[in-house]
Amino acid sequence: MLTRQRRPMGLANRLSYLPWWAYILLIPGFYLFGWVLHLLGVIPGQ
């Protein structure tokens, strides 16, 4: 349980150090990443 609790805290600390423009790039980045996985057939969908 201790190792599982440390990972989200470490991730939150890393995200807090990102500049403001990194968030603008992350949102479309995650969207495009999901779209590519969908095209490859990894994520089943419509």
PDB file of N, CA and C in Angstrom:
ATOM      1  N   MET A   1       0.831  -1.212   0.000  1.00  0.00           N
ATOM      2  CA  MET A   1       0.000   0.000   0.000  1.00  0.00           C
ATOM      3  C   MET A   1       0.869   1.267   0.000  1.00  0.00           C
ATOM      4  N   LEU A   2       2.005   1.204   0.656  1.00  0.00           N
ATOM      5  CA  LEU A   2       2.863   2.388   0.725  1.00  0.00           C
ATOM      6  C   LEU A   2       3.404   2.757  -0.651  1.00  0.00           C
ATOM      7  N   THR A   3       3.771   1.753  -1.452  1.00  0.00           N
ATOM      8  CA  THR A   3       4.314   2.051  -2.775  1.00  0.00           C
ATOM      9  C   THR A   3       3.237   2.639  -3.675  1.00  0.00           C
ATOM     10  N   ARG A   4       1.997   2.214  -3.490  1.00  0.00           N
ATOM     11  CA  ARG A   4       0.914   2.745  -4.320  1.00  0.00           C
ATOM     12  C   ARG A   4       0.587   4.187  -3.946  1.00  0.00           C
ATOM     13  N   GLN A   5       0.790   4.532  -2.688  1.00  0.00           N
ATOM     14  CA  GLN A   5       0.492   5.897  -2.259  1.00  0.00           C
ATOM     15  C   GLN A   5       1.583   6.866  -2.712  1.00  0.00           C
ATOM     16  N   ARG A   6       2.811   6.380  -2.879  1.00  0.00           N
ATOM     17  CA  ARG A   6       3.911   7.282  -3.250  1.00  0.00           C
ATOM     18  C   ARG A   6       3.841   7.686  -4.716  1.00  0.00           C
ATOM     19  N   ARG A   7       3.364   6.800  -5.580  1.00  0.00           N
ATOM     20  CA  ARG A   7       3.380   7.097  -7.012  1.00  0.00           C
ATOM     21  C   ARG A   7       2.510   8.295  -7.399  1.00  0.00           C
ATOM     22  N   PRO A   8       1.258   8.391  -6.925  1.00  0.00           N
ATOM     23  CA  PRO A   8       0.458   9.580  -7.280  1.00  0.00           C
ATOM     24  C   PRO A   8       1.089  10.871  -6.743  1.00  0.00           C
ATOM     25  N   MET A   9       1.704  10.817  -5.575  1.00  0.00           N
ATOM     26  CA  MET A   9       2.344  12.010  -5.027  1.00  0.00           C
ATOM     27  C   MET A   9       3.528  12.427  -5.897  1.00  0.00           C
ATOM     28  N   GLY A  10       4.303  11.470  -6.353  1.00  0.00           N
ATOM     29  CA  GLY A  10       5.432  11.784  -7.220  1.00  0.00           C
ATOM     30  C   GLY A  10       4.969  12.362  -8.542  1.00  0.00           C
ATOM     31  N   LEU A  11       3.873  11.810  -9.067  1.00  0.00           N
ATOM     32  CA  LEU A  11       3.329  12.307 -10.325  1.00  0.00           C
ATOM     33  C   LEU A  11       2.798  13.726 -10.147  1.00  0.00           C
ATOM     34  N   ALA A  12       2.147  13.984  -9.026  1.00  0.00           N
ATOM     35  CA  ALA A  12       1.616  15.325  -8.760  1.00  0.00           C
ATOM     36  C   ALA A  12       2.761  16.328  -8.622  1.00  0.00           C
ATOM     37  N   ASN A  13       3.846  15.911  -7.999  1.00  0.00           N
ATOM     38  CA  ASN A  13       5.001  16.803  -7.847  1.00  0.00           C
ATOM     39  C   ASN A  13       5.622  17.117  -9.198  1.00  0.00           C
ATOM     40  N   ARG A  14       5.687  16.133 -10.080  1.00  0.00           N
ATOM     41  CA  ARG A  14       6.245  16.374 -11.413  1.00  0.00           C
ATOM     42  C   ARG A  14       5.358  17.318 -12.212  1.00  0.00           C
ATOM     43  N   LEU A  15       4.032  17.124 -12.117  1.00  0.00           N
ATOM     44  CA  LEU A  15       3.111  17.973 -12.869  1.00  0.00           C
ATOM     45  C   LEU A  15       3.121  19.400 -12.343  1.00  0.00           C
ATOM     46  N   SER A  16       3.393  19.580 -11.052  1.00  0.00           N
ATOM     47  CA  SER A  16       3.390  20.926 -10.477  1.00  0.00           C
ATOM     48  C   SER A  16       4.582  21.743 -10.970  1.00  0.00           C
ATOM     49  N   TYR A  17       5.635  21.065 -11.438  1.00  0.00           N
ATOM     50  CA  TYR A  17       6.812  21.786 -11.928  1.00  0.00           C
ATOM     51  C   TYR A  17       6.682  22.190 -13.392  1.00  0.00           C
ATOM     52  N   LEU A  18       5.649  21.689 -14.081  1.00  0.00           N
ATOM     53  CA  LEU A  18       5.493  22.013 -15.500  1.00  0.00           C
ATOM     54  C   LEU A  18       5.098  23.475 -15.680  1.00  0.00           C
ATOM     55  N   PRO A  19       5.608  24.131 -16.721  1.00  0.00           N
ATOM     56  CA  PRO A  19       5.161  25.491 -17.042  1.00  0.00           C
ATOM     57  C   PRO A  19       3.745  25.483 -17.597  1.00  0.00           C
ATOM     58  N   TRP A  20       3.147  26.663 -17.726  1.00  0.00           N
ATOM     59  CA  TRP A  20       1.739  26.754 -18.128  1.00  0.00           C
ATOM     60  C   TRP A  20       1.517  26.212 -19.524  1.00  0.00           C
ATOM     61  N   TRP A  21       2.493  26.395 -20.445  1.00  0.00           N
ATOM     62  CA  TRP A  21       2.274  25.948 -21.819  1.00  0.00           C
ATOM     63  C   TRP A  21       2.314  24.430 -21.929  1.00  0.00           C
ATOM     64  N   ALA A  22       2.906  23.767 -20.943  1.00  0.00           N
ATOM     65  CA  ALA A  22       2.961  22.306 -20.985  1.00  0.00           C
ATOM     66  C   ALA A  22       1.554  21.712 -20.864  1.00  0.00           C
ATOM     67  N   TYR A  23       0.691  22.364 -20.084  1.00  0.00           N
ATOM     68  CA  TYR A  23      -0.682  21.869 -19.940  1.00  0.00           C
ATOM     69  C   TYR A  23      -1.449  22.007 -21.252  1.00  0.00           C
ATOM     70  N   ILE A  24      -1.166  23.069 -22.015  1.00  0.00           N
ATOM     71  CA  ILE A  24      -1.827  23.265 -23.310  1.00  0.00           C
ATOM     72  C   ILE A  24      -1.409  22.160 -24.281  1.00  0.00           C
ATOM     73  N   LEU A  25      -0.156  21.699 -24.168  1.00  0.00           N
ATOM     74  CA  LEU A  25       0.325  20.628 -25.038  1.00  0.00           C
ATOM     75  C   LEU A  25      -0.134  19.254 -24.556  1.00  0.00           C
ATOM     76  N   LEU A  26      -0.307  19.090 -23.247  1.00  0.00           N
ATOM     77  CA  LEU A  26      -0.667  17.781 -22.703  1.00  0.00           C
ATOM     78  C   LEU A  26      -2.073  17.357 -23.097  1.00  0.00           C
ATOM     79  N   ILE A  27      -3.025  18.296 -23.079  1.00  0.00           N
ATOM     80  CA  ILE A  27      -4.421  17.944 -23.344  1.00  0.00           C
ATOM     81  C   ILE A  27      -4.608  17.420 -24.772  1.00  0.00           C
ATOM     82  N   PRO A  28      -4.162  18.134 -25.829  1.00  0.00           N
ATOM     83  CA  PRO A  28      -4.254  17.564 -27.176  1.00  0.00           C
ATOM     84  C   PRO A  28      -3.341  16.353 -27.334  1.00  0.00           C
ATOM     85  N   GLY A  29      -2.251  16.309 -26.589  1.00  0.00           N
ATOM     86  CA  GLY A  29      -1.333  15.177 -26.671  1.00  0.00           C
ATOM     87  C   GLY A  29      -1.993  13.888 -26.222  1.00  0.00           C
ATOM     88  N   PHE A  30      -2.711  13.938 -25.108  1.00  0.00           N
ATOM     89  CA  PHE A  30      -3.428  12.758 -24.634  1.00  0.00           C
ATOM     90  C   PHE A  30      -4.543  12.385 -25.600  1.00  0.00           C
ATOM     91  N   TYR A  31      -5.202  13.382 -26.177  1.00  0.00           N
ATOM     92  CA  TYR A  31      -6.285  13.117 -27.133  1.00  0.00           C
ATOM     93  C   TYR A  31      -5.742  12.423 -28.381  1.00  0.00           C
ATOM     94  N   LEU A  32      -4.631  12.945 -28.909  1.00  0.00           N
ATOM     95  CA  LEU A  32      -4.031  12.340 -30.101  1.00  0.00           C
ATOM     96  C   LEU A  32      -3.494  10.944 -29.800  1.00  0.00           C
ATOM     97  N   PHE A  33      -2.945  10.752 -28.607  1.00  0.00           N
ATOM     98  CA  PHE A  33      -2.433   9.439 -28.219  1.00  0.00           C
ATOM     99  C   PHE A  33      -3.564   8.412 -28.182  1.00  0.00           C
ATOM    100  N   GLY A  34      -4.712   8.801 -27.621  1.00  0.00           N
ATOM    101  CA  GLY A  34      -5.868   7.909 -27.597  1.00  0.00           C
ATOM    102  C   GLY A  34      -6.413   7.650 -28.989  1.00  0.00           C
ATOM    103  N   TRP A  35      -6.355   8.662 -29.856  1.00  0.00           N
ATOM    104  CA  TRP A  35      -6.856   8.514 -31.224  1.00  0.00           C
ATOM    105  C   TRP A  35      -5.986   7.539 -32.015  1.00  0.00           C
ATOM    106  N   VAL A  36      -4.655   7.634 -31.817  1.00  0.00           N
ATOM    107  CA  VAL A  36      -3.732   6.707 -32.491  1.00  0.00           C
ATOM    108  C   VAL A  36      -3.952   5.283 -31.992  1.00  0.00           C
ATOM    109  N   LEU A  37      -4.131   5.113 -30.682  1.00  0.00           N
ATOM    110  CA  LEU A  37      -4.400   3.779 -30.142  1.00  0.00           C
ATOM    111  C   LEU A  37      -5.706   3.231 -30.690  1.00  0.00           C
ATOM    112  N   HIS A  38      -6.687   4.104 -30.886  1.00  0.00           N
ATOM    113  CA  HIS A  38      -7.967   3.684 -31.452  1.00  0.00           C
ATOM    114  C   HIS A  38      -7.792   3.221 -32.896  1.00  0.00           C
ATOM    115  N   LEU A  39      -6.974   3.950 -33.661  1.00  0.00           N
ATOM    116  CA  LEU A  39      -6.721   3.567 -35.053  1.00  0.00           C
ATOM    117  C   LEU A  39      -5.990   2.230 -35.137  1.00  0.00           C
ATOM    118  N   LEU A  40      -5.090   1.994 -34.204  1.00  0.00           N
ATOM    119  CA  LEU A  40      -4.323   0.749 -34.205  1.00  0.00           C
ATOM    120  C   LEU A  40      -5.158  -0.435 -33.723  1.00  0.00           C
ATOM    121  N   GLY A  41      -6.327  -0.157 -33.160  1.00  0.00           N
ATOM    122  CA  GLY A  41      -7.193  -1.239 -32.694  1.00  0.00           C
ATOM    123  C   GLY A  41      -6.938  -1.627 -31.253  1.00  0.00           C
ATOM    124  N   VAL A  42      -6.120  -0.847 -30.546  1.00  0.00           N
ATOM    125  CA  VAL A  42      -5.857  -1.149 -29.139  1.00  0.00           C
ATOM    126  C   VAL A  42      -7.098  -0.845 -28.304  1.00  0.00           C
ATOM    127  N   ILE A  43      -7.757   0.282 -28.622  1.00  0.00           N
ATOM    128  CA  ILE A  43      -8.966   0.677 -27.904  1.00  0.00           C
ATOM    129  C   ILE A  43     -10.167   0.398 -28.804  1.00  0.00           C
ATOM    130  N   PRO A  44     -11.032  -0.537 -28.414  1.00  0.00           N
ATOM    131  CA  PRO A  44     -12.241  -0.765 -29.213  1.00  0.00           C
ATOM    132  C   PRO A  44     -13.208   0.403 -29.069  1.00  0.00           C
ATOM    133  N   GLY A  45     -13.871   0.734 -30.161  1.00  0.00           N
ATOM    134  CA  GLY A  45     -14.796   1.873 -30.116  1.00  0.00           C
ATOM    135  C   GLY A  45     -15.748   1.855 -31.281  1.00  0.00           C
ATOM    136  N   GLN A  46     -16.355   3.004 -31.544  1.00  0.00           N
ATOM    137  CA  GLN A  46     -17.379   3.119 -32.581  1.00  0.00           C
ATOM    138  C   GLN A  46     -16.753   2.901 -33.960  1.00  0.00           C
TER     139      GLN A  46
END
